[in-house]
PDB file of N, CA and C in Angstrom:
ATOM      1  N   GLN A   1      16.840  13.104 -39.205  1.00  0.00           N
ATOM      2  CA  GLN A   1      15.866  12.606 -37.818  1.00  0.00           C
ATOM      3  C   GLN A   1      14.965  12.216 -38.178  1.00  0.00           C
ATOM      4  N   GLY A   2      14.058  11.711 -37.279  1.00  0.00           N
ATOM      5  CA  GLY A   2      13.141  10.832 -37.349  1.00  0.00           C
ATOM      6  C   GLY A   2      11.499  11.438 -37.328  1.00  0.00           C
ATOM      7  N   ASN A   3      10.506  10.751 -37.334  1.00  0.00           N
ATOM      8  CA  ASN A   3       9.330  11.339 -37.134  1.00  0.00           C
ATOM      9  C   ASN A   3       9.159  12.357 -35.516  1.00  0.00           C
ATOM     10  N   ILE A   4       9.723  10.897 -34.728  1.00  0.00           N
ATOM     11  CA  ILE A   4       9.061  11.490 -33.205  1.00  0.00           C
ATOM     12  C   ILE A   4      10.063  12.175 -32.473  1.00  0.00           C
ATOM     13  N   ARG A   5       9.564  13.879 -31.702  1.00  0.00           N
ATOM     14  CA  ARG A   5       9.841  14.114 -31.373  1.00  0.00           C
ATOM     15  C   ARG A   5       9.402  13.688 -29.987  1.00  0.00           C
ATOM     16  N   VAL A   6      10.941  14.383 -28.650  1.00  0.00           N
ATOM     17  CA  VAL A   6      10.412  13.514 -27.278  1.00  0.00           C
ATOM     18  C   VAL A   6      10.233  15.059 -26.821  1.00  0.00           C
ATOM     19  N   PHE A   7       9.713  15.698 -25.937  1.00  0.00           N
ATOM     20  CA  PHE A   7       9.732  16.837 -25.532  1.00  0.00           C
ATOM     21  C   PHE A   7       9.940  16.831 -23.789  1.00  0.00           C
ATOM     22  N   CYS A   8      10.418  17.442 -23.060  1.00  0.00           N
ATOM     23  CA  CYS A   8       9.594  17.615 -21.928  1.00  0.00           C
ATOM     24  C   CYS A   8       9.970  19.342 -20.978  1.00  0.00           C
ATOM     25  N   ARG A   9       8.696  19.627 -20.210  1.00  0.00           N
ATOM     26  CA  ARG A   9       8.325  19.824 -19.740  1.00  0.00           C
ATOM     27  C   ARG A   9       8.014  19.750 -18.484  1.00  0.00           C
ATOM     28  N   VAL A  10       8.683  20.926 -17.659  1.00  0.00           N
ATOM     29  CA  VAL A  10       8.850  20.634 -15.713  1.00  0.00           C
ATOM     30  C   VAL A  10       7.533  21.974 -15.783  1.00  0.00           C
ATOM     31  N   ARG A  11       6.662  21.656 -15.219  1.00  0.00           N
ATOM     32  CA  ARG A  11       5.572  22.408 -14.865  1.00  0.00           C
ATOM     33  C   ARG A  11       6.187  23.495 -13.876  1.00  0.00           C
ATOM     34  N   PRO A  12       5.432  24.016 -13.369  1.00  0.00           N
ATOM     35  CA  PRO A  12       5.635  25.038 -12.015  1.00  0.00           C
ATOM     36  C   PRO A  12       5.054  24.285 -10.828  1.00  0.00           C
ATOM     37  N   LEU A  13       5.603  24.333  -9.997  1.00  0.00           N
ATOM     38  CA  LEU A  13       5.143  23.974  -8.369  1.00  0.00           C
ATOM     39  C   LEU A  13       3.633  24.475  -8.335  1.00  0.00           C
ATOM     40  N   LEU A  14       2.699  24.213  -7.448  1.00  0.00           N
ATOM     41  CA  LEU A  14       1.381  24.463  -7.094  1.00  0.00           C
ATOM     42  C   LEU A  14       1.688  24.922  -5.729  1.00  0.00           C
ATOM     43  N   PRO A  15       0.995  25.947  -5.922  1.00  0.00           N
ATOM     44  CA  PRO A  15       1.097  26.624  -4.399  1.00  0.00           C
ATOM     45  C   PRO A  15       1.212  25.716  -2.802  1.00  0.00           C
ATOM     46  N   GLU A  16       0.474  24.426  -2.983  1.00  0.00           N
ATOM     47  CA  GLU A  16       0.356  23.611  -2.014  1.00  0.00           C
ATOM     48  C   GLU A  16       1.475  22.747  -2.244  1.00  0.00           C
ATOM     49  N   GLU A  17       2.410  22.234  -3.510  1.00  0.00           N
ATOM     50  CA  GLU A  17       3.161  21.624  -3.546  1.00  0.00           C
ATOM     51  C   GLU A  17       4.639  22.733  -3.104  1.00  0.00           C
ATOM     52  N   GLU A  18       4.311  23.812  -3.344  1.00  0.00           N
ATOM     53  CA  GLU A  18       5.643  25.009  -2.919  1.00  0.00           C
ATOM     54  C   GLU A  18       5.842  24.623  -0.953  1.00  0.00           C
ATOM     55  N   GLU A  19       4.692  24.214  -0.184  1.00  0.00           N
ATOM     56  CA  GLU A  19       4.082  24.556   0.934  1.00  0.00           C
ATOM     57  C   GLU A  19       5.544  23.111   1.422  1.00  0.00           C
ATOM     58  N   ARG A  20       4.913  22.149   0.712  1.00  0.00           N
ATOM     59  CA  ARG A  20       5.675  21.052   0.628  1.00  0.00           C
ATOM     60  C   ARG A  20       7.273  20.907   0.583  1.00  0.00           C
ATOM     61  N   GLN A  21       7.851  20.916  -0.083  1.00  0.00           N
ATOM     62  CA  GLN A  21       9.012  20.688  -0.511  1.00  0.00           C
ATOM     63  C   GLN A  21       9.422  22.335  -0.432  1.00  0.00           C
ATOM     64  N   LYS A  22      10.860  22.082  -0.607  1.00  0.00           N
ATOM     65  CA  LYS A  22      11.621  23.452  -1.321  1.00  0.00           C
ATOM     66  C   LYS A  22      12.072  23.700  -2.594  1.00  0.00           C
ATOM     67  N   GLY A  23      11.020  23.742  -3.072  1.00  0.00           N
ATOM     68  CA  GLY A  23      11.271  24.622  -5.052  1.00  0.00           C
ATOM     69  C   GLY A  23      12.104  22.801  -5.467  1.00  0.00           C
ATOM     70  N   LEU A  24      12.050  23.139  -6.461  1.00  0.00           N
ATOM     71  CA  LEU A  24      12.635  22.071  -7.371  1.00  0.00           C
ATOM     72  C   LEU A  24      14.082  21.691  -7.091  1.00  0.00           C
ATOM     73  N   GLU A  25      14.739  21.564  -6.041  1.00  0.00           N
ATOM     74  CA  GLU A  25      15.551  21.486  -6.042  1.00  0.00           C
ATOM     75  C   GLU A  25      16.575  20.360  -6.856  1.00  0.00           C
ATOM     76  N   HIS A  26      16.257  19.735  -6.873  1.00  0.00           N
ATOM     77  CA  HIS A  26      16.516  18.284  -7.456  1.00  0.00           C
ATOM     78  C   HIS A  26      16.331  18.289  -8.739  1.00  0.00           C
ATOM     79  N   LEU A  27      16.097  18.609  -9.458  1.00  0.00           N
ATOM     80  CA  LEU A  27      16.323  19.104 -10.892  1.00  0.00           C
ATOM     81  C   LEU A  27      16.995  20.273 -11.581  1.00  0.00           C
ATOM     82  N   HIS A  28      17.862  20.226 -12.306  1.00  0.00           N
ATOM     83  CA  HIS A  28      18.845  20.695 -13.238  1.00  0.00           C
ATOM     84  C   HIS A  28      18.889  21.306 -14.571  1.00  0.00           C
ATOM     85  N   PHE A  29      19.032  22.661 -15.014  1.00  0.00           N
ATOM     86  CA  PHE A  29      18.774  22.866 -16.079  1.00  0.00           C
ATOM     87  C   PHE A  29      20.042  23.539 -16.282  1.00  0.00           C
ATOM     88  N   PRO A  30      21.038  22.335 -17.319  1.00  0.00           N
ATOM     89  CA  PRO A  30      21.669  23.034 -17.631  1.00  0.00           C
ATOM     90  C   PRO A  30      21.779  24.084 -18.666  1.00  0.00           C
ATOM     91  N   PRO A  31      22.648  25.276 -17.743  1.00  0.00           N
ATOM     92  CA  PRO A  31      22.088  26.783 -18.769  1.00  0.00           C
ATOM     93  C   PRO A  31      22.452  26.722 -20.418  1.00  0.00           C
ATOM     94  N   ASP A  32      23.750  25.852 -20.338  1.00  0.00           N
ATOM     95  CA  ASP A  32      24.395  25.606 -21.910  1.00  0.00           C
ATOM     96  C   ASP A  32      23.582  24.868 -22.872  1.00  0.00           C
ATOM     97  N   ASP A  33      22.951  24.216 -22.457  1.00  0.00           N
ATOM     98  CA  ASP A  33      22.105  23.218 -23.074  1.00  0.00           C
ATOM     99  C   ASP A  33      21.137  22.403 -22.688  1.00  0.00           C
ATOM    100  N   ASN A  34      19.726  23.158 -23.530  1.00  0.00           N
ATOM    101  CA  ASN A  34      18.408  22.793 -23.350  1.00  0.00           C
ATOM    102  C   ASN A  34      17.619  21.929 -23.959  1.00  0.00           C
ATOM    103  N   LYS A  35      18.399  20.698 -23.975  1.00  0.00           N
ATOM    104  CA  LYS A  35      18.366  19.320 -24.417  1.00  0.00           C
ATOM    105  C   LYS A  35      18.118  17.939 -23.080  1.00  0.00           C
ATOM    106  N   THR A  36      18.580  18.460 -22.089  1.00  0.00           N
ATOM    107  CA  THR A  36      19.456  18.173 -21.117  1.00  0.00           C
ATOM    108  C   THR A  36      18.497  18.528 -19.516  1.00  0.00           C
ATOM    109  N   LEU A  37      18.220  17.084 -18.706  1.00  0.00           N
ATOM    110  CA  LEU A  37      17.657  17.287 -17.432  1.00  0.00           C
ATOM    111  C   LEU A  37      18.586  16.657 -16.788  1.00  0.00           C
ATOM    112  N   VAL A  38      18.974  16.894 -15.685  1.00  0.00           N
ATOM    113  CA  VAL A  38      19.652  16.531 -14.804  1.00  0.00           C
ATOM    114  C   VAL A  38      18.903  16.114 -13.142  1.00  0.00           C
ATOM    115  N   LEU A  39      18.674  15.462 -12.887  1.00  0.00           N
ATOM    116  CA  LEU A  39      17.872  14.793 -11.488  1.00  0.00           C
ATOM    117  C   LEU A  39      18.558  14.612 -10.654  1.00  0.00           C
ATOM    118  N   CYS A  40      18.986  14.489  -9.659  1.00  0.00           N
ATOM    119  CA  CYS A  40      19.692  15.036  -8.508  1.00  0.00           C
ATOM    120  C   CYS A  40      18.878  14.189  -7.375  1.00  0.00           C
ATOM    121  N   ARG A  41      19.673  13.097  -6.249  1.00  0.00           N
ATOM    122  CA  ARG A  41      19.060  13.106  -5.126  1.00  0.00           C
ATOM    123  C   ARG A  41      20.298  12.368  -3.904  1.00  0.00           C
ATOM    124  N   PRO A  42      20.243  12.577  -3.042  1.00  0.00           N
ATOM    125  CA  PRO A  42      21.052  12.527  -2.127  1.00  0.00           C
ATOM    126  C   PRO A  42      21.498  11.367  -1.560  1.00  0.00           C
ATOM    127  N   GLU A  43      22.675  10.687  -1.871  1.00  0.00           N
ATOM    128  CA  GLU A  43      23.112   9.371  -1.675  1.00  0.00           C
ATOM    129  C   GLU A  43      23.397   9.201  -0.227  1.00  0.00           C
ATOM    130  N   GLU A  44      22.616   8.405   0.515  1.00  0.00           N
ATOM    131  CA  GLU A  44      22.914   8.271   1.899  1.00  0.00           C
ATOM    132  C   GLU A  44      23.703   6.374   2.144  1.00  0.00           C
ATOM    133  N   SER A  45      24.147   6.300   3.061  1.00  0.00           N
ATOM    134  CA  SER A  45      24.634   5.170   3.616  1.00  0.00           C
ATOM    135  C   SER A  45      23.833   4.350   3.908  1.00  0.00           C
ATOM    136  N   HIS A  46      24.031   3.115   3.679  1.00  0.00           N
ATOM    137  CA  HIS A  46      23.301   2.017   3.457  1.00  0.00           C
ATOM    138  C   HIS A  46      22.510   1.909   5.159  1.00  0.00           C
ATOM    139  N   VAL A  47      22.887   2.311   5.974  1.00  0.00           N
ATOM    140  CA  VAL A  47      22.553   2.486   7.544  1.00  0.00           C
ATOM    141  C   VAL A  47      22.050   3.947   7.946  1.00  0.00           C
ATOM    142  N   GLY A  48      22.208   4.630   6.561  1.00  0.00           N
ATOM    143  CA  GLY A  48      21.051   6.166   6.443  1.00  0.00           C
ATOM    144  C   GLY A  48      21.998   7.237   7.392  1.00  0.00           C
ATOM    145  N   ARG A  49      23.004   7.303   8.265  1.00  0.00           N
ATOM    146  CA  ARG A  49      23.405   8.350   8.908  1.00  0.00           C
ATOM    147  C   ARG A  49      23.996   8.875   8.592  1.00  0.00           C
ATOM    148  N   GLU A  50      24.734   8.940   7.433  1.00  0.00           N
ATOM    149  CA  GLU A  50      26.197   9.777   6.390  1.00  0.00           C
ATOM    150  C   GLU A  50      25.351  10.007   5.203  1.00  0.00           C
ATOM    151  N   ARG A  51      25.331  10.875   4.641  1.00  0.00           N
ATOM    152  CA  ARG A  51      25.387  11.307   3.677  1.00  0.00           C
ATOM    153  C   ARG A  51      26.556  11.365   2.307  1.00  0.00           C
ATOM    154  N   ARG A  52      26.741  10.570   1.308  1.00  0.00           N
ATOM    155  CA  ARG A  52      27.918  10.221   0.281  1.00  0.00           C
ATOM    156  C   ARG A  52      27.503  10.566  -0.595  1.00  0.00           C
ATOM    157  N   GLY A  53      27.056  12.601  -0.996  1.00  0.00           N
ATOM    158  CA  GLY A  53      26.961  13.362  -1.775  1.00  0.00           C
ATOM    159  C   GLY A  53      25.610  12.784  -2.613  1.00  0.00           C
ATOM    160  N   ASP A  54      25.375  13.431  -3.853  1.00  0.00           N
ATOM    161  CA  ASP A  54      24.185  13.374  -5.338  1.00  0.00           C
ATOM    162  C   ASP A  54      24.623  12.524  -5.533  1.00  0.00           C
ATOM    163  N   VAL A  55      23.641  11.866  -5.987  1.00  0.00           N
ATOM    164  CA  VAL A  55      23.341  10.483  -7.185  1.00  0.00           C
ATOM    165  C   VAL A  55      22.695  11.311  -8.484  1.00  0.00           C
ATOM    166  N   ARG A  56      23.521  11.733  -9.244  1.00  0.00           N
ATOM    167  CA  ARG A  56      22.793  12.098 -10.838  1.00  0.00           C
ATOM    168  C   ARG A  56      22.475  11.326 -11.685  1.00  0.00           C
ATOM    169  N   TYR A  57      21.187  11.935 -12.492  1.00  0.00           N
ATOM    170  CA  TYR A  57      20.637  11.209 -13.009  1.00  0.00           C
ATOM    171  C   TYR A  57      20.347  12.059 -14.499  1.00  0.00           C
ATOM    172  N   ASN A  58      20.947  11.363 -15.431  1.00  0.00           N
ATOM    173  CA  ASN A  58      21.184  12.745 -16.874  1.00  0.00           C
ATOM    174  C   ASN A  58      20.426  12.055 -18.068  1.00  0.00           C
ATOM    175  N   PHE A  59      19.066  12.970 -18.172  1.00  0.00           N
ATOM    176  CA  PHE A  59      17.989  12.526 -18.628  1.00  0.00           C
ATOM    177  C   PHE A  59      17.975  13.664 -20.742  1.00  0.00           C
ATOM    178  N   THR A  60      18.399  13.065 -21.889  1.00  0.00           N
ATOM    179  CA  THR A  60      17.949  13.791 -22.665  1.00  0.00           C
ATOM    180  C   THR A  60      16.894  14.030 -23.823  1.00  0.00           C
ATOM    181  N   PHE A  61      16.568  14.767 -23.933  1.00  0.00           N
ATOM    182  CA  PHE A  61      15.240  14.995 -24.649  1.00  0.00           C
ATOM    183  C   PHE A  61      15.819  15.615 -26.080  1.00  0.00           C
ATOM    184  N   ASP A  62      14.641  15.253 -26.837  1.00  0.00           N
ATOM    185  CA  ASP A  62      14.891  16.781 -28.088  1.00  0.00           C
ATOM    186  C   ASP A  62      15.035  17.815 -27.498  1.00  0.00           C
ATOM    187  N   ARG A  63      14.028  18.493 -26.591  1.00  0.00           N
ATOM    188  CA  ARG A  63      14.128  20.198 -26.321  1.00  0.00           C
ATOM    189  C   ARG A  63      13.902  20.022 -23.599  1.00  0.00           C
ATOM    190  N   VAL A  64      14.397  20.151 -23.463  1.00  0.00           N
ATOM    191  CA  VAL A  64      13.531  20.715 -22.124  1.00  0.00           C
ATOM    192  C   VAL A  64      12.892  21.928 -22.001  1.00  0.00           C
ATOM    193  N   PHE A  65      12.135  21.950 -21.398  1.00  0.00           N
ATOM    194  CA  PHE A  65      11.327  23.304 -20.989  1.00  0.00           C
ATOM    195  C   PHE A  65      11.397  23.211 -19.643  1.00  0.00           C
ATOM    196  N   PRO A  66      12.129  24.002 -19.086  1.00  0.00           N
ATOM    197  CA  PRO A  66      11.744  24.654 -17.786  1.00  0.00           C
ATOM    198  C   PRO A  66      10.565  24.725 -17.047  1.00  0.00           C
ATOM    199  N   PRO A  67      10.317  25.628 -15.597  1.00  0.00           N
ATOM    200  CA  PRO A  67       9.702  25.805 -15.107  1.00  0.00           C
ATOM    201  C   PRO A  67       8.953  27.173 -15.452  1.00  0.00           C
ATOM    202  N   SER A  68      10.277  27.831 -15.963  1.00  0.00           N
ATOM    203  CA  SER A  68      10.001  29.217 -16.629  1.00  0.00           C
ATOM    204  C   SER A  68       9.206  29.394 -18.106  1.00  0.00           C
ATOM    205  N   ALA A  69       9.384  28.346 -18.464  1.00  0.00           N
ATOM    206  CA  ALA A  69       8.813  28.473 -19.797  1.00  0.00           C
ATOM    207  C   ALA A  69       7.493  29.355 -20.011  1.00  0.00           C
ATOM    208  N   SER A  70       7.265  29.933 -21.063  1.00  0.00           N
ATOM    209  CA  SER A  70       5.834  30.447 -21.473  1.00  0.00           C
ATOM    210  C   SER A  70       4.896  29.866 -22.437  1.00  0.00           C
ATOM    211  N   GLN A  71       3.752  30.123 -22.459  1.00  0.00           N
ATOM    212  CA  GLN A  71       3.164  28.979 -23.641  1.00  0.00           C
ATOM    213  C   GLN A  71       3.686  29.252 -24.887  1.00  0.00           C
ATOM    214  N   GLN A  72       4.163  30.803 -25.105  1.00  0.00           N
ATOM    215  CA  GLN A  72       4.465  31.075 -26.412  1.00  0.00           C
ATOM    216  C   GLN A  72       5.879  30.350 -26.708  1.00  0.00           C
ATOM    217  N   GLU A  73       6.683  30.783 -25.680  1.00  0.00           N
ATOM    218  CA  GLU A  73       8.093  29.728 -26.101  1.00  0.00           C
ATOM    219  C   GLU A  73       7.613  28.091 -26.660  1.00  0.00           C
ATOM    220  N   ILE A  74       7.048  27.754 -25.896  1.00  0.00           N
ATOM    221  CA  ILE A  74       6.802  26.713 -26.207  1.00  0.00           C
ATOM    222  C   ILE A  74       6.349  26.013 -28.000  1.00  0.00           C
ATOM    223  N   PHE A  75       5.137  26.828 -27.846  1.00  0.00           N
ATOM    224  CA  PHE A  75       4.547  27.219 -28.795  1.00  0.00           C
ATOM    225  C   PHE A  75       5.720  27.514 -29.962  1.00  0.00           C
ATOM    226  N   GLU A  76       6.047  28.154 -30.363  1.00  0.00           N
ATOM    227  CA  GLU A  76       7.271  28.987 -31.342  1.00  0.00           C
ATOM    228  C   GLU A  76       8.208  27.739 -31.202  1.00  0.00           C
ATOM    229  N   GLU A  77       8.763  26.577 -30.489  1.00  0.00           N
ATOM    230  CA  GLU A  77       9.097  25.925 -31.192  1.00  0.00           C
ATOM    231  C   GLU A  77       8.878  24.091 -31.373  1.00  0.00           C
ATOM    232  N   ILE A  78       7.473  24.074 -31.343  1.00  0.00           N
ATOM    233  CA  ILE A  78       6.903  23.031 -32.192  1.00  0.00           C
ATOM    234  C   ILE A  78       5.777  23.272 -33.155  1.00  0.00           C
ATOM    235  N   ALA A  79       5.855  24.645 -33.739  1.00  0.00           N
ATOM    236  CA  ALA A  79       4.837  25.104 -34.152  1.00  0.00           C
ATOM    237  C   ALA A  79       5.057  24.775 -36.087  1.00  0.00           C
ATOM    238  N   LEU A  80       6.428  24.959 -36.413  1.00  0.00           N
ATOM    239  CA  LEU A  80       6.484  23.769 -37.407  1.00  0.00           C
ATOM    240  C   LEU A  80       6.537  22.276 -37.761  1.00  0.00           C
ATOM    241  N   LEU A  81       6.473  21.645 -36.329  1.00  0.00           N
ATOM    242  CA  LEU A  81       6.139  20.345 -36.052  1.00  0.00           C
ATOM    243  C   LEU A  81       4.816  19.963 -35.921  1.00  0.00           C
ATOM    244  N   VAL A  82       3.469  20.884 -36.100  1.00  0.00           N
ATOM    245  CA  VAL A  82       2.563  20.621 -36.263  1.00  0.00           C
ATOM    246  C   VAL A  82       2.255  20.881 -37.886  1.00  0.00           C
ATOM    247  N   GLN A  83       1.433  20.200 -37.732  1.00  0.00           N
ATOM    248  CA  GLN A  83       1.064  19.945 -39.143  1.00  0.00           C
ATOM    249  C   GLN A  83      -0.790  19.949 -39.298  1.00  0.00           C
ATOM    250  N   VAL A  84      -1.657  21.146 -39.923  1.00  0.00           N
ATOM    251  CA  VAL A  84      -2.404  20.691 -39.892  1.00  0.00           C
ATOM    252  C   VAL A  84      -2.966  20.525 -41.306  1.00  0.00           C
ATOM    253  N   GLY A  85      -3.631  20.065 -41.270  1.00  0.00           N
ATOM    254  CA  GLY A  85      -3.855  18.986 -42.373  1.00  0.00           C
ATOM    255  C   GLY A  85      -5.872  19.237 -42.687  1.00  0.00           C
ATOM    256  N   ASP A  86      -5.795  19.681 -44.070  1.00  0.00           N
ATOM    257  CA  ASP A  86      -7.804  20.025 -44.941  1.00  0.00           C
ATOM    258  C   ASP A  86      -8.562  18.958 -43.769  1.00  0.00           C
ATOM    259  N   PRO A  87      -9.421  19.099 -42.914  1.00  0.00           N
ATOM    260  CA  PRO A  87     -10.237  18.304 -42.234  1.00  0.00           C
ATOM    261  C   PRO A  87     -11.603  17.867 -43.003  1.00  0.00           C
ATOM    262  N   LYS A  88     -11.840  16.803 -43.227  1.00  0.00           N
ATOM    263  CA  LYS A  88     -12.689  16.129 -44.093  1.00  0.00           C
ATOM    264  C   LYS A  88     -14.174  16.737 -43.191  1.00  0.00           C
ATOM    265  N   PRO A  89     -15.268  17.364 -44.472  1.00  0.00           N
ATOM    266  CA  PRO A  89     -16.201  17.461 -43.644  1.00  0.00           C
ATOM    267  C   PRO A  89     -17.116  16.791 -43.112  1.00  0.00           C
ATOM    268  N   PRO A  90     -17.551  16.795 -42.148  1.00  0.00           N
ATOM    269  CA  PRO A  90     -19.280  16.052 -41.116  1.00  0.00           C
ATOM    270  C   PRO A  90     -19.710  15.371 -42.167  1.00  0.00           C
ATOM    271  N   ARG A  91     -20.216  13.965 -42.058  1.00  0.00           N
ATOM    272  CA  ARG A  91     -21.165  13.139 -42.614  1.00  0.00           C
ATOM    273  C   ARG A  91     -22.798  13.258 -42.465  1.00  0.00           C
TER     274      ARG A  91
END
């Protein structure tokens, strides 16, 4: 693999966001795949009167963290990728 990794972390909703929307029902985290995020939105007819089901968009990353992921879980995943060099002393 190359040197670039792409992670996706979905943050939990803020209290004011929870009041305005019905949670994160448009996002799906496949339980057996921690690299995929599925975005769904309802598809309506052109006149907007009938619903035709959901349109699904699949996104793939090196790792997807759902809103329930802890800071510790995320750190453990990226700890080996973080390289700490010997900082140069200030001049």
